[in-house]
Amino acid sequence: MILAATDLVNNGFQEWADGLDGSRENLRALLVSDKGKSTLGKHISDLTKKWFKEKEPISKLTIAHRYCEKLEQLPADSPHLQQLPVALDGVIRALKLDSKLSKETVTASEEATP
């Protein structure tokens, strides 16, 4: 998410909020702050609204794109790839990405596969 935020600013789509230290270290410290009883998705939305001048949160899709880019950079023989299904399942649950539409999409793609 920090990479996504930094990319948005560096590419001119967002500006850091006035007075915010946009360094990786500071953003990481803010990210790991106590989220109370909020879900991870709500915590990220609430937190990242404060990061940008326009008070818009980072979208789950933007985070997912950056995550996929990092995965694509892993060598095919990386031992970390063996752990991905469990890790991705955890991310999906934490961000509450599971929806009727996503289930229908998965079912449709499985049916289309010969």
C-alpha atoms as a PDB file:
ATOM      1  CA  MET A   1       0.000   0.000   0.000  1.00  0.00           C
ATOM      2  CA  ILE A   2       2.881   2.351   0.688  1.00  0.00           C
ATOM      3  CA  LEU A   3       4.170   1.686  -2.835  1.00  0.00           C
ATOM      4  CA  ALA A   4       0.705   2.416  -4.243  1.00  0.00           C
ATOM      5  CA  ALA A   5       0.480   5.698  -2.313  1.00  0.00           C
ATOM      6  CA  THR A   6       3.959   6.762  -3.371  1.00  0.00           C
ATOM      7  CA  ASP A   7       3.240   5.888  -7.015  1.00  0.00           C
ATOM      8  CA  LEU A   8       0.028   7.933  -6.956  1.00  0.00           C
ATOM      9  CA  VAL A   9       1.953  10.965  -5.687  1.00  0.00           C
ATOM     10  CA  ASN A  10       5.003  10.496  -7.916  1.00  0.00           C
ATOM     11  CA  ASN A  11       2.808  10.143 -11.009  1.00  0.00           C
ATOM     12  CA  GLY A  12       0.804  13.278 -10.218  1.00  0.00           C
ATOM     13  CA  PHE A  13      -2.523  11.618  -9.378  1.00  0.00           C
ATOM     14  CA  GLN A  14      -2.422  12.638  -5.711  1.00  0.00           C
ATOM     15  CA  GLU A  15      -0.570  15.080  -3.465  1.00  0.00           C
ATOM     16  CA  TRP A  16       0.540  14.387   0.080  1.00  0.00           C
ATOM     17  CA  ALA A  17      -1.593  16.102   2.687  1.00  0.00           C
ATOM     18  CA  ASP A  18      -0.113  19.288   4.071  1.00  0.00           C
ATOM     19  CA  GLY A  19       2.442  18.484   6.762  1.00  0.00           C
ATOM     20  CA  LEU A  20       2.538  14.740   6.041  1.00  0.00           C
ATOM     21  CA  ASP A  21       5.965  13.107   5.956  1.00  0.00           C
ATOM     22  CA  GLY A  22       5.548  10.790   2.940  1.00  0.00           C
ATOM     23  CA  SER A  23       8.665   8.770   3.711  1.00  0.00           C
ATOM     24  CA  ARG A  24       8.339   4.994   3.646  1.00  0.00           C
ATOM     25  CA  GLU A  25       9.263   4.787   7.332  1.00  0.00           C
ATOM     26  CA  ASN A  26       6.618   7.297   8.417  1.00  0.00           C
ATOM     27  CA  LEU A  27       3.865   5.777   6.263  1.00  0.00           C
ATOM     28  CA  ARG A  28       4.708   2.328   7.624  1.00  0.00           C
ATOM     29  CA  ALA A  29       4.496   3.616  11.209  1.00  0.00           C
ATOM     30  CA  LEU A  30       1.085   5.140  10.481  1.00  0.00           C
ATOM     31  CA  LEU A  31      -0.094   1.965   8.773  1.00  0.00           C
ATOM     32  CA  VAL A  32       0.729  -0.305  11.700  1.00  0.00           C
ATOM     33  CA  SER A  33      -0.941   2.006  14.212  1.00  0.00           C
ATOM     34  CA  ASP A  34      -3.765   0.567  16.279  1.00  0.00           C
ATOM     35  CA  LYS A  35      -6.813   0.066  14.074  1.00  0.00           C
ATOM     36  CA  GLY A  36      -9.170  -0.517  16.969  1.00  0.00           C
ATOM     37  CA  LYS A  37     -12.131  -2.646  15.972  1.00  0.00           C
ATOM     38  CA  SER A  38     -12.023  -1.610  12.316  1.00  0.00           C
ATOM     39  CA  THR A  39     -11.545  -4.170   9.582  1.00  0.00           C
ATOM     40  CA  LEU A  40      -8.277  -3.965   7.665  1.00  0.00           C
ATOM     41  CA  GLY A  41     -10.102  -2.489   4.666  1.00  0.00           C
ATOM     42  CA  LYS A  42     -11.778   0.200   6.792  1.00  0.00           C
ATOM     43  CA  HIS A  43      -8.498   0.981   8.564  1.00  0.00           C
ATOM     44  CA  ILE A  44      -6.714   1.432   5.239  1.00  0.00           C
ATOM     45  CA  SER A  45      -9.521   3.600   3.854  1.00  0.00           C
ATOM     46  CA  ASP A  46      -9.678   5.821   6.936  1.00  0.00           C
ATOM     47  CA  LEU A  47      -5.915   6.116   7.188  1.00  0.00           C
ATOM     48  CA  THR A  48      -5.129   6.803   3.544  1.00  0.00           C
ATOM     49  CA  LYS A  49      -7.779   9.535   3.374  1.00  0.00           C
ATOM     50  CA  LYS A  50      -5.509  11.428   5.760  1.00  0.00           C
ATOM     51  CA  TRP A  51      -2.441  10.878   3.574  1.00  0.00           C
ATOM     52  CA  PHE A  52      -3.685  12.834   0.562  1.00  0.00           C
ATOM     53  CA  LYS A  53      -4.629  16.460   0.046  1.00  0.00           C
ATOM     54  CA  GLU A  54      -7.876  15.467  -1.722  1.00  0.00           C
ATOM     55  CA  LYS A  55      -8.877  13.223   1.236  1.00  0.00           C
ATOM     56  CA  GLU A  56      -9.534  10.241  -1.054  1.00  0.00           C
ATOM     57  CA  PRO A  57      -8.520   6.756   0.121  1.00  0.00           C
ATOM     58  CA  ILE A  58      -6.414   4.338  -1.884  1.00  0.00           C
ATOM     59  CA  SER A  59      -8.696   1.882  -3.621  1.00  0.00           C
ATOM     60  CA  LYS A  60      -8.454  -1.857  -3.057  1.00  0.00           C
ATOM     61  CA  LEU A  61      -7.906  -2.218  -6.792  1.00  0.00           C
ATOM     62  CA  THR A  62      -4.854   0.059  -6.730  1.00  0.00           C
ATOM     63  CA  ILE A  63      -3.392  -1.967  -3.870  1.00  0.00           C
ATOM     64  CA  ALA A  64      -4.126  -5.202  -5.731  1.00  0.00           C
ATOM     65  CA  HIS A  65      -2.402  -3.929  -8.875  1.00  0.00           C
ATOM     66  CA  ARG A  66       0.786  -3.077  -6.972  1.00  0.00           C
ATOM     67  CA  TYR A  67       0.663  -6.446  -5.185  1.00  0.00           C
ATOM     68  CA  CYS A  68       0.333  -8.274  -8.513  1.00  0.00           C
ATOM     69  CA  GLU A  69       3.264  -6.312  -9.944  1.00  0.00           C
ATOM     70  CA  LYS A  70       5.420  -7.465  -7.033  1.00  0.00           C
ATOM     71  CA  LEU A  71       4.294 -11.076  -7.486  1.00  0.00           C
ATOM     72  CA  GLU A  72       5.169 -10.958 -11.175  1.00  0.00           C
ATOM     73  CA  GLN A  73       8.708  -9.900 -10.284  1.00  0.00           C
ATOM     74  CA  LEU A  74       9.318 -13.055  -8.215  1.00  0.00           C
ATOM     75  CA  PRO A  75      11.438 -15.704  -9.954  1.00  0.00           C
ATOM     76  CA  ALA A  76       9.430 -18.797 -10.941  1.00  0.00           C
ATOM     77  CA  ASP A  77      11.530 -20.988  -8.630  1.00  0.00           C
ATOM     78  CA  SER A  78      11.022 -18.733  -5.601  1.00  0.00           C
ATOM     79  CA  PRO A  79      10.050 -20.673  -2.462  1.00  0.00           C
ATOM     80  CA  HIS A  80       7.722 -17.792  -1.622  1.00  0.00           C
ATOM     81  CA  LEU A  81       5.427 -18.761  -4.502  1.00  0.00           C
ATOM     82  CA  GLN A  82       4.531 -21.964  -2.687  1.00  0.00           C
ATOM     83  CA  GLN A  83       3.094 -19.879   0.172  1.00  0.00           C
ATOM     84  CA  LEU A  84       0.983 -17.588  -2.032  1.00  0.00           C
ATOM     85  CA  PRO A  85      -2.372 -19.403  -2.022  1.00  0.00           C
ATOM     86  CA  VAL A  86      -2.558 -19.249   1.785  1.00  0.00           C
ATOM     87  CA  ALA A  87      -1.282 -15.659   1.845  1.00  0.00           C
ATOM     88  CA  LEU A  88      -3.703 -14.528  -0.860  1.00  0.00           C
ATOM     89  CA  ASP A  89      -6.614 -16.153   0.920  1.00  0.00           C
ATOM     90  CA  GLY A  90      -5.673 -14.180   4.032  1.00  0.00           C
ATOM     91  CA  VAL A  91      -5.525 -10.921   2.060  1.00  0.00           C
ATOM     92  CA  ILE A  92      -8.898 -11.621   0.438  1.00  0.00           C
ATOM     93  CA  ARG A  93     -10.489 -12.265   3.833  1.00  0.00           C
ATOM     94  CA  ALA A  94      -8.808  -9.276   5.506  1.00  0.00           C
ATOM     95  CA  LEU A  95      -9.849  -6.845   2.780  1.00  0.00           C
ATOM     96  CA  LYS A  96     -13.287  -8.435   2.491  1.00  0.00           C
ATOM     97  CA  LEU A  97     -12.873  -8.875  -1.262  1.00  0.00           C
ATOM     98  CA  ASP A  98     -15.189 -11.864  -1.331  1.00  0.00           C
ATOM     99  CA  SER A  99     -18.460 -10.949  -2.992  1.00  0.00           C
ATOM    100  CA  LYS A 100     -21.239 -12.511  -5.022  1.00  0.00           C
ATOM    101  CA  LEU A 101     -19.732 -10.993  -8.165  1.00  0.00           C
ATOM    102  CA  SER A 102     -16.267 -12.421  -7.454  1.00  0.00           C
ATOM    103  CA  LYS A 103     -17.779 -15.868  -6.825  1.00  0.00           C
ATOM    104  CA  GLU A 104     -19.707 -15.666 -10.112  1.00  0.00           C
ATOM    105  CA  THR A 105     -16.552 -14.600 -11.950  1.00  0.00           C
ATOM    106  CA  VAL A 106     -14.555 -17.504 -10.553  1.00  0.00           C
ATOM    107  CA  THR A 107     -17.352 -19.949 -11.388  1.00  0.00           C
ATOM    108  CA  ALA A 108     -17.677 -18.589 -14.921  1.00  0.00           C
ATOM    109  CA  SER A 109     -13.908 -18.791 -15.536  1.00  0.00           C
ATOM    110  CA  GLU A 110     -13.793 -22.369 -14.197  1.00  0.00           C
ATOM    111  CA  GLU A 111     -16.639 -23.366 -16.511  1.00  0.00           C
ATOM    112  CA  ALA A 112     -14.914 -21.761 -19.497  1.00  0.00           C
ATOM    113  CA  THR A 113     -11.676 -23.660 -18.871  1.00  0.00           C
ATOM    114  CA  PRO A 114     -11.504 -26.794 -21.088  1.00  0.00           C
END
